[in-house]
Amino acid sequence: MVLNVEKFMEDLIKKNPYEVEFHQSVREVLHSIAPFIEKNPRYAENSLLERLVEPERTIMFRVPWVDDQGVVQVNRGWRVEFNSAIGPYKGGIRFAPDVTLGTVKFLGFEMIFKNGLTTLPLGAGKGGADFDCVGKSDGEVMRFCQSYMSELFRHIGPNTDIPAGDIGVGHREIGYMFGQYKRLTNEFTGVLTGKKFTMGGSLIRPEATGYGVTYFADAMLETVGDSVEGKTVAISGYGNVGAFTAEKVAEMGGKIVTASDQYGYIYDPEGIVGERLAFLKDLWVVHRRPIKDYADKFGCQYIENKRPWEVPVDIAIPTSRQNELDEVDAAALLKNGVICVVEGANMPCTEKAIDMFHKAGVLFAPGKAANAGGVAVSGLEMAQNSMHYSWSAEEVDQKLREIMGLIHDTCIEFGQTDKGVNYVNGANIGGFVKVADAMIDLGII
């Protein structure tokens, strides 16, 4: 059977209008798996794909809270429980003013394949709210998180749905939500991951995504006889993913020279290491301050209203948000000789940009493979919570590196072509096979 991707997408868009990011995510997966399904027709039976793109459950709710002036504010919250074929729903919660149902669905759909690649028994879900933590006091953030959890708690559980953090949701927000969950249920369970170590979190969970991205980049380069060592690297963003990517890149002998926010980027040819790295981590993770403060402190260049992809580098790692690197940025990177692009965020490169990297023969890793280290260590945190036990940082890091190696092996297995490895196809097909096999074995549910 031949899968008609355009007809499938036409029907999907008609059923889910205006959810552009969700459409983009599904289209990318379909283009990868269509030739595979043609060779393996059992995956075309019983409307498997139609079930795969439809969430098992979508929850939408209002989130009322009181600001510091005593005024009642109302936001909108979501939790999309997308697929539980291989385990309980697993995926983060994003707080940002531009979050919509389409955003949450695209992120949840990506989690199906990402979690399938981790080798851990994790289903796929995602949550969010159109709430902006920036400029809010701790009290306001706490009241919002408590209100959000007051509805969400009835839909989640340690064997049902285990949320985590994402953009706008770090230790502080996870702590407030976990506190409210504990208060409402009178249970201390591993229902949220990304917690501080003091309340049952895993060591190196904040570092996990950035470390995993770097391990994956190094594994890709190793296939062509190269490594991260000696490479100049550009990142966008400067949260956990960006900061800990910089930390691991430096440890492995490379040098991060950029970081950015929505207002511009800094270029530091000295490299973001030592005191500079410590300041970068403190800048966002602790104080939510603009990246310009880094340039002011260290006297490096700050470029306003531009993205960092014009800087000549060997490796580019977008770690901020979806569709932040487009074809103009890709052309600039290629002109300056980039050899490797690794997605640290979820779907940060546009379809046209990815096509340009593939045509140029640049090593390109999709986020669902390269940034899976975060959810992998979340899975390890769940295991530690269930055992009421904690592994050392070295043990967790070793397990993380092994998991990223297995993900890379899966991409090689399913993405091998006459021209080398297509990591996008490898990740999509590898994740699809894991989940689709389970769905077939479970029957029509």
Protein backbone atom coordinates (compact mmCIF):
# COMPACT_ATOMS: atom_id res chain seq x y z
CA MET A 1 0.00 0.00 0.00
CA VAL A 2 1.23 3.50 -0.88
CA LEU A 3 0.59 6.16 1.76
CA ASN A 4 -0.75 9.31 0.14
CA VAL A 5 0.89 11.89 2.39
CA GLU A 6 -0.79 14.91 0.81
CA LYS A 7 -4.27 13.39 1.12
CA PHE A 8 -3.58 12.38 4.71
CA MET A 9 -2.40 15.90 5.53
CA GLU A 10 -5.40 17.46 3.79
CA ASP A 11 -7.73 15.45 6.02
CA LEU A 12 -5.66 16.21 9.14
CA ILE A 13 -5.65 19.96 8.48
CA LYS A 14 -9.39 19.97 7.84
CA LYS A 15 -9.95 18.23 11.16
CA ASN A 16 -7.39 20.35 13.06
CA PRO A 17 -7.44 23.83 11.47
CA TYR A 18 -4.98 26.58 12.46
CA GLU A 19 -2.65 24.18 14.33
CA VAL A 20 0.27 24.93 12.01
CA GLU A 21 3.05 23.54 14.21
CA PHE A 22 1.14 20.30 14.72
CA HIS A 23 0.69 20.00 10.94
CA GLN A 24 4.42 20.58 10.43
CA SER A 25 5.38 17.91 12.94
CA VAL A 26 3.03 15.31 11.46
CA ARG A 27 4.10 16.08 7.89
CA GLU A 28 7.78 15.55 8.72
CA VAL A 29 7.05 12.15 10.29
CA LEU A 30 4.82 11.03 7.41
CA HIS A 31 7.44 11.84 4.79
CA SER A 32 9.92 9.70 6.73
CA ILE A 33 7.71 6.69 7.38
CA ALA A 34 5.73 6.54 4.10
CA PRO A 35 8.41 4.53 2.20
CA PHE A 36 8.88 2.30 5.27
CA ILE A 37 5.14 1.54 5.47
CA GLU A 38 5.09 0.72 1.75
CA LYS A 39 7.69 -1.98 2.44
CA ASN A 40 5.96 -3.09 5.66
CA PRO A 41 2.21 -2.99 4.89
CA ARG A 42 1.10 -4.30 8.31
CA TYR A 43 1.63 -0.76 9.60
CA ALA A 44 -1.02 0.51 7.17
CA GLU A 45 -3.79 -1.66 8.63
CA ASN A 46 -6.54 -0.85 11.14
CA SER A 47 -6.15 2.95 10.77
CA LEU A 48 -2.93 2.85 12.78
CA LEU A 49 -1.75 6.25 11.50
CA GLU A 50 -5.15 7.85 12.01
CA ARG A 51 -5.06 6.68 15.63
CA LEU A 52 -1.46 7.79 16.05
CA VAL A 53 -2.19 11.43 15.15
CA GLU A 54 -5.27 11.61 17.38
CA PRO A 55 -4.57 12.22 21.09
CA GLU A 56 -6.07 9.66 23.45
CA ARG A 57 -7.27 12.52 25.63
CA THR A 58 -7.22 16.33 25.46
CA ILE A 59 -7.91 18.35 28.59
CA MET A 60 -8.49 22.12 28.48
CA PHE A 61 -9.28 24.20 31.55
CA ARG A 62 -9.31 27.72 32.95
CA VAL A 63 -6.67 28.80 35.47
CA PRO A 64 -7.87 31.66 37.73
CA TRP A 65 -5.34 33.26 40.07
CA VAL A 66 -4.87 36.47 42.06
CA ASP A 67 -2.00 38.86 41.27
CA ASP A 68 -0.11 40.96 43.83
CA GLN A 69 -2.57 43.84 43.40
CA GLY A 70 -5.46 41.55 44.38
CA VAL A 71 -6.85 41.43 40.83
CA VAL A 72 -8.18 38.09 39.56
CA GLN A 73 -6.43 36.96 36.37
CA VAL A 74 -7.58 34.11 34.12
CA ASN A 75 -5.38 31.99 31.89
CA ARG A 76 -6.01 28.86 29.87
CA GLY A 77 -4.34 25.52 30.58
CA TRP A 78 -4.01 22.27 28.65
CA ARG A 79 -2.81 18.69 29.04
CA VAL A 80 -2.74 16.50 25.93
CA GLU A 81 -2.32 12.80 26.75
CA PHE A 82 -1.26 11.63 23.32
CA ASN A 83 -0.22 7.98 23.42
CA SER A 84 0.20 5.38 26.17
CA ALA A 85 1.06 2.31 24.07
CA ILE A 86 4.47 1.77 25.68
CA GLY A 87 3.99 3.39 29.08
CA PRO A 88 2.29 6.16 31.08
CA TYR A 89 2.03 9.57 29.45
CA LYS A 90 5.28 11.50 29.84
CA GLY A 91 6.11 15.04 28.79
CA GLY A 92 6.71 18.53 30.06
CA ILE A 93 4.57 21.55 30.86
CA ARG A 94 5.30 24.84 29.05
CA PHE A 95 4.34 28.26 30.42
CA ALA A 96 4.61 30.99 27.77
CA PRO A 97 2.23 33.67 26.46
CA ASP A 98 2.23 32.19 22.95
CA VAL A 99 1.23 28.66 24.01
CA THR A 100 -1.91 27.35 22.28
CA LEU A 101 -3.57 23.97 21.95
CA GLY A 102 -1.70 23.56 18.65
CA THR A 103 1.62 24.14 20.43
CA VAL A 104 0.82 21.50 23.04
CA LYS A 105 -0.34 19.00 20.40
CA PHE A 106 2.81 19.43 18.30
CA LEU A 107 4.99 18.94 21.37
CA GLY A 108 2.97 15.91 22.47
CA PHE A 109 3.17 14.33 19.02
CA GLU A 110 6.95 14.79 18.98
CA MET A 111 7.11 13.06 22.37
CA ILE A 112 5.65 9.86 20.90
CA PHE A 113 8.78 9.29 18.85
CA LYS A 114 11.26 10.83 21.27
CA ASN A 115 10.10 8.65 24.14
CA GLY A 116 10.01 5.62 21.88
CA LEU A 117 13.67 6.22 21.05
CA THR A 118 14.80 6.38 24.70
CA THR A 119 14.34 2.56 25.15
CA LEU A 120 12.39 3.38 28.36
CA PRO A 121 8.68 2.49 28.90
CA LEU A 122 7.37 6.02 28.44
CA GLY A 123 4.20 7.13 26.70
CA ALA A 124 3.72 10.63 25.33
CA GLY A 125 1.97 13.69 26.70
CA LYS A 126 2.46 17.43 26.98
CA GLY A 127 0.94 20.33 28.87
CA GLY A 128 1.02 24.07 29.03
CA ALA A 129 -0.60 27.39 29.73
CA ASP A 130 -0.59 30.85 28.13
CA PHE A 131 1.06 32.27 31.25
CA ASP A 132 4.25 34.33 31.27
CA CYS A 133 6.46 33.89 34.35
CA VAL A 134 8.68 36.80 33.30
CA GLY A 135 8.02 39.86 35.43
CA LYS A 136 5.90 37.95 37.94
CA SER A 137 6.76 37.76 41.63
CA ASP A 138 7.39 34.42 43.32
CA GLY A 139 4.01 34.77 45.02
CA GLU A 140 2.21 35.27 41.72
CA VAL A 141 3.99 32.31 40.12
CA MET A 142 3.15 30.17 43.14
CA ARG A 143 -0.54 31.08 43.06
CA PHE A 144 -0.72 30.40 39.34
CA CYS A 145 1.01 27.01 39.68
CA GLN A 146 -1.27 26.03 42.56
CA SER A 147 -4.35 26.93 40.52
CA TYR A 148 -3.04 25.05 37.47
CA MET A 149 -2.40 21.93 39.56
CA SER A 150 -5.77 22.20 41.29
CA GLU A 151 -7.32 21.08 38.01
CA LEU A 152 -4.49 18.98 36.59
CA PHE A 153 -4.04 16.75 39.67
CA ARG A 154 -7.19 14.74 38.90
CA HIS A 155 -5.81 13.70 35.50
CA ILE A 156 -2.26 12.62 36.44
CA GLY A 157 -0.53 10.04 38.62
CA PRO A 158 2.75 8.09 38.92
CA ASN A 159 1.36 5.28 36.73
CA THR A 160 -0.92 7.42 34.55
CA ASP A 161 0.68 10.68 33.48
CA ILE A 162 3.94 12.14 34.80
CA PRO A 163 4.52 15.78 33.76
CA ALA A 164 7.87 17.57 33.85
CA GLY A 165 9.22 21.04 33.05
CA ASP A 166 9.67 22.83 29.73
CA ILE A 167 10.07 26.47 28.67
CA GLY A 168 8.99 28.68 31.57
CA VAL A 169 8.78 25.76 33.99
CA GLY A 170 11.87 25.04 36.06
CA HIS A 171 12.65 23.94 39.63
CA ARG A 172 10.58 26.76 41.13
CA GLU A 173 7.43 26.02 39.15
CA ILE A 174 7.78 22.24 39.52
CA GLY A 175 8.19 22.69 43.27
CA TYR A 176 5.03 24.77 43.58
CA MET A 177 3.01 22.31 41.47
CA PHE A 178 4.36 19.28 43.33
CA GLY A 179 3.56 20.94 46.66
CA GLN A 180 -0.03 21.53 45.57
CA TYR A 181 -0.37 17.96 44.26
CA LYS A 182 0.91 16.61 47.61
CA ARG A 183 -1.47 18.89 49.47
CA LEU A 184 -4.51 17.77 47.44
CA THR A 185 -3.77 14.03 47.41
CA ASN A 186 -1.92 13.54 50.71
CA GLU A 187 0.64 11.49 48.77
CA PHE A 188 4.37 11.87 48.21
CA THR A 189 4.73 10.10 44.87
CA GLY A 190 6.86 10.50 41.75
CA VAL A 191 4.09 12.26 39.85
CA LEU A 192 6.32 15.10 38.58
CA THR A 193 9.90 14.93 37.36
CA GLY A 194 12.39 17.74 37.26
CA LYS A 195 12.05 18.20 41.02
CA LYS A 196 14.91 19.48 43.13
CA PHE A 197 17.04 16.74 44.66
CA THR A 198 15.75 17.69 48.11
CA MET A 199 12.22 16.59 47.15
CA GLY A 200 13.03 13.40 45.26
CA GLY A 201 14.55 14.74 42.05
CA SER A 202 17.39 13.11 40.16
CA LEU A 203 20.92 14.40 40.10
CA ILE A 204 21.92 15.99 36.74
CA ARG A 205 18.29 16.30 35.62
CA PRO A 206 18.76 20.03 34.85
CA GLU A 207 21.93 19.19 32.91
CA ALA A 208 20.51 16.16 31.10
CA THR A 209 19.17 17.70 27.88
CA GLY A 210 22.27 19.81 27.25
CA TYR A 211 24.63 16.96 28.11
CA GLY A 212 22.65 14.58 25.90
CA VAL A 213 22.71 17.00 22.97
CA THR A 214 26.50 17.19 23.22
CA TYR A 215 26.89 13.42 23.49
CA PHE A 216 24.72 13.00 20.39
CA ALA A 217 26.68 15.62 18.44
CA ASP A 218 29.92 13.87 19.33
CA ALA A 219 28.52 10.49 18.23
CA MET A 220 27.47 11.98 14.87
CA LEU A 221 30.88 13.51 14.30
CA GLU A 222 32.56 10.25 15.24
CA THR A 223 30.89 8.59 12.23
CA VAL A 224 32.97 10.85 9.98
CA GLY A 225 36.15 10.56 12.03
CA ASP A 226 35.71 13.81 13.94
CA SER A 227 34.61 15.03 17.39
CA VAL A 228 33.38 18.05 19.35
CA GLU A 229 36.94 18.73 20.47
CA GLY A 230 38.37 21.88 18.90
CA LYS A 231 35.04 22.98 17.42
CA THR A 232 33.48 26.44 17.66
CA VAL A 233 29.79 26.24 18.53
CA ALA A 234 26.82 28.62 18.38
CA ILE A 235 23.75 28.17 20.55
CA SER A 236 20.53 30.11 20.86
CA GLY A 237 18.79 30.47 24.19
CA TYR A 238 20.54 30.35 27.54
CA GLY A 239 18.31 28.28 29.81
CA ASN A 240 19.12 24.81 31.10
CA VAL A 241 19.61 23.33 27.63
CA GLY A 242 21.88 26.09 26.34
CA ALA A 243 23.87 26.59 29.54
CA PHE A 244 24.56 22.91 30.14
CA THR A 245 25.32 22.32 26.47
CA ALA A 246 27.98 25.01 26.88
CA GLU A 247 29.27 23.28 30.00
CA LYS A 248 29.56 19.85 28.35
CA VAL A 249 30.98 21.25 25.09
CA ALA A 250 33.74 22.97 27.08
CA GLU A 251 34.40 19.76 29.01
CA MET A 252 34.79 17.90 25.70
CA GLY A 253 37.19 20.47 24.26
CA GLY A 254 34.86 22.67 22.21
CA LYS A 255 33.89 26.34 22.63
CA ILE A 256 30.45 27.98 22.75
CA VAL A 257 30.61 31.58 21.49
CA THR A 258 26.97 32.75 21.35
CA ALA A 259 23.76 32.81 23.38
CA SER A 260 20.53 34.69 22.72
CA ASP A 261 17.05 35.73 23.80
CA GLN A 262 14.12 37.21 21.86
CA TYR A 263 15.80 40.63 21.79
CA GLY A 264 19.22 39.73 20.35
CA TYR A 265 22.36 37.68 20.89
CA ILE A 266 25.81 37.97 22.41
CA TYR A 267 29.03 36.98 20.63
CA ASP A 268 31.88 36.06 22.96
CA PRO A 269 34.95 34.83 21.02
CA GLU A 270 36.64 34.00 24.35
CA GLY A 271 34.08 31.23 24.89
CA ILE A 272 31.40 30.82 27.54
CA VAL A 273 33.40 29.03 30.23
CA GLY A 274 34.35 29.41 33.89
CA GLU A 275 33.03 32.61 35.46
CA ARG A 276 31.21 33.45 32.24
CA LEU A 277 29.37 30.14 32.20
CA ALA A 278 28.41 30.51 35.88
CA PHE A 279 27.03 33.98 35.15
CA LEU A 280 25.07 32.68 32.13
CA LYS A 281 23.44 29.93 34.22
CA ASP A 282 22.56 32.42 36.96
CA LEU A 283 21.24 34.91 34.40
CA TRP A 284 18.15 32.92 33.38
CA VAL A 285 17.78 29.91 35.63
CA VAL A 286 17.88 32.01 38.80
CA HIS A 287 17.06 35.62 37.92
CA ARG A 288 15.30 35.56 34.49
CA ARG A 289 17.43 38.47 33.23
CA PRO A 290 18.08 39.45 29.57
CA ILE A 291 21.14 38.15 27.71
CA LYS A 292 22.37 41.74 27.22
CA ASP A 293 23.42 41.69 30.89
CA TYR A 294 26.11 39.15 29.92
CA ALA A 295 27.54 41.50 27.28
CA ASP A 296 27.46 44.42 29.72
CA LYS A 297 29.36 42.43 32.35
CA PHE A 298 32.04 40.88 30.15
CA GLY A 299 32.40 43.57 27.50
CA CYS A 300 31.59 41.35 24.54
CA GLN A 301 29.50 42.18 21.50
CA TYR A 302 25.69 42.35 21.74
CA ILE A 303 23.74 42.31 18.48
CA GLU A 304 20.17 43.54 18.88
CA ASN A 305 17.15 42.09 17.05
CA LYS A 306 19.14 39.38 15.30
CA ARG A 307 19.77 35.66 15.70
CA PRO A 308 23.20 34.11 16.24
CA TRP A 309 23.32 32.00 13.07
CA GLU A 310 25.33 34.63 11.14
CA VAL A 311 28.43 33.92 13.28
CA PRO A 312 30.98 31.59 11.60
CA VAL A 313 30.95 28.31 13.57
CA ASP A 314 31.52 24.59 13.04
CA ILE A 315 28.42 23.45 14.95
CA ALA A 316 25.04 25.14 15.45
CA ILE A 317 22.72 24.09 18.26
CA PRO A 318 19.35 25.88 18.42
CA THR A 319 18.10 25.39 22.00
CA SER A 320 15.28 27.92 22.27
CA ARG A 321 11.95 27.18 20.56
CA GLN A 322 10.20 25.92 17.43
CA ASN A 323 11.01 27.38 13.98
CA GLU A 324 13.70 29.75 15.26
CA LEU A 325 16.16 28.80 12.49
CA ASP A 326 14.82 29.38 8.96
CA GLU A 327 16.20 29.14 5.43
CA VAL A 328 17.91 32.56 5.67
CA ASP A 329 19.73 31.42 8.79
CA ALA A 330 20.57 28.08 7.16
CA ALA A 331 22.07 29.88 4.16
CA ALA A 332 24.25 32.00 6.47
CA LEU A 333 25.47 28.94 8.38
CA LEU A 334 26.26 27.05 5.17
CA LYS A 335 28.08 30.05 3.71
CA ASN A 336 30.26 30.15 6.83
CA GLY A 337 31.11 26.44 6.63
CA VAL A 338 28.96 24.81 9.33
CA ILE A 339 29.50 21.03 9.41
CA CYS A 340 26.92 19.92 12.00
CA VAL A 341 23.51 21.17 13.18
CA VAL A 342 21.92 19.61 16.25
CA GLU A 343 18.44 20.51 17.46
CA GLY A 344 18.52 21.14 21.20
CA ALA A 345 14.94 22.45 21.21
CA ASN A 346 11.79 20.84 19.82
CA MET A 347 11.51 21.41 16.05
CA PRO A 348 13.59 24.63 16.05
CA CYS A 349 14.49 24.35 12.34
CA THR A 350 11.95 25.01 9.61
CA GLU A 351 11.30 22.40 6.91
CA LYS A 352 13.13 24.48 4.29
CA ALA A 353 16.16 24.89 6.54
CA ILE A 354 16.37 21.14 7.12
CA ASP A 355 16.14 20.48 3.38
CA MET A 356 19.05 22.88 2.81
CA PHE A 357 21.22 21.12 5.40
CA HIS A 358 20.47 17.73 3.89
CA LYS A 359 21.24 18.88 0.34
CA ALA A 360 24.53 20.38 1.52
CA GLY A 361 25.56 17.13 3.20
CA VAL A 362 25.68 18.71 6.67
CA LEU A 363 25.21 16.37 9.62
CA PHE A 364 21.75 17.18 10.97
CA ALA A 365 20.09 15.77 14.10
CA PRO A 366 16.38 16.30 14.84
CA GLY A 367 15.33 17.27 18.35
CA LYS A 368 13.35 14.09 18.96
CA ALA A 369 16.67 12.21 18.91
CA ALA A 370 19.27 14.75 20.02
CA ASN A 371 17.40 16.34 22.94
CA ALA A 372 15.91 13.11 24.33
CA GLY A 373 18.39 13.19 27.22
CA GLY A 374 16.02 15.29 29.30
CA VAL A 375 13.10 12.88 29.15
CA ALA A 376 15.51 9.95 29.49
CA VAL A 377 16.74 11.23 32.86
CA SER A 378 13.13 12.02 33.79
CA GLY A 379 12.50 8.31 33.23
CA LEU A 380 15.46 7.54 35.47
CA GLU A 381 14.00 9.91 38.08
CA MET A 382 10.74 7.95 37.94
CA ALA A 383 12.67 4.74 38.56
CA GLN A 384 14.49 6.26 41.53
CA ASN A 385 11.21 7.58 42.98
CA SER A 386 9.58 4.16 42.69
CA MET A 387 12.53 2.59 44.51
CA HIS A 388 12.79 5.43 47.06
CA TYR A 389 16.45 5.55 46.13
CA SER A 390 18.91 7.93 44.46
CA TRP A 391 21.77 7.19 42.09
CA SER A 392 24.94 9.28 42.14
CA ALA A 393 25.50 11.98 39.52
CA GLU A 394 28.17 9.79 37.91
CA GLU A 395 25.76 6.83 37.65
CA VAL A 396 23.02 8.93 36.11
CA ASP A 397 25.45 10.55 33.66
CA GLN A 398 26.74 7.14 32.61
CA LYS A 399 23.20 5.87 32.03
CA LEU A 400 22.40 9.05 30.06
CA ARG A 401 25.42 8.59 27.82
CA GLU A 402 24.47 4.94 27.21
CA ILE A 403 20.89 5.93 26.30
CA MET A 404 22.08 8.63 23.87
CA GLY A 405 24.37 6.04 22.29
CA LEU A 406 21.44 3.65 21.84
CA ILE A 407 19.34 6.43 20.28
CA HIS A 408 22.18 7.18 17.89
CA ASP A 409 22.42 3.47 17.01
CA THR A 410 18.68 3.39 16.25
CA CYS A 411 19.02 6.41 13.95
CA ILE A 412 21.86 4.66 12.13
CA GLU A 413 19.83 1.43 11.81
CA PHE A 414 16.71 3.05 10.34
CA GLY A 415 18.28 6.07 8.64
CA GLN A 416 21.07 4.50 6.57
CA THR A 417 21.07 5.55 2.90
CA ASP A 418 23.48 5.34 -0.02
CA LYS A 419 24.55 8.90 0.78
CA GLY A 420 25.07 8.33 4.50
CA VAL A 421 22.74 8.56 7.49
CA ASN A 422 19.52 10.57 7.37
CA TYR A 423 19.00 11.15 11.09
CA VAL A 424 15.51 12.60 10.59
CA ASN A 425 14.30 9.41 8.91
CA GLY A 426 16.18 7.25 11.38
CA ALA A 427 14.61 8.95 14.39
CA ASN A 428 11.10 9.02 12.95
CA ILE A 429 11.10 5.41 11.76
CA GLY A 430 12.87 4.07 14.86
CA GLY A 431 10.39 5.78 17.21
CA PHE A 432 7.44 4.81 15.02
CA VAL A 433 8.32 1.10 14.98
CA LYS A 434 8.57 0.94 18.79
CA VAL A 435 5.18 2.58 19.33
CA ALA A 436 3.38 1.07 16.33
CA ASP A 437 4.36 -2.49 17.29
CA ALA A 438 2.93 -1.92 20.77
CA MET A 439 -0.28 -0.42 19.37
CA ILE A 440 -0.75 -3.45 17.10
CA ASP A 441 -0.19 -5.85 20.00
CA LEU A 442 -2.70 -3.96 22.18
CA GLY A 443 -5.49 -4.28 19.63
CA ILE A 444 -7.99 -1.61 18.56
CA ILE A 445 -8.15 0.68 21.59
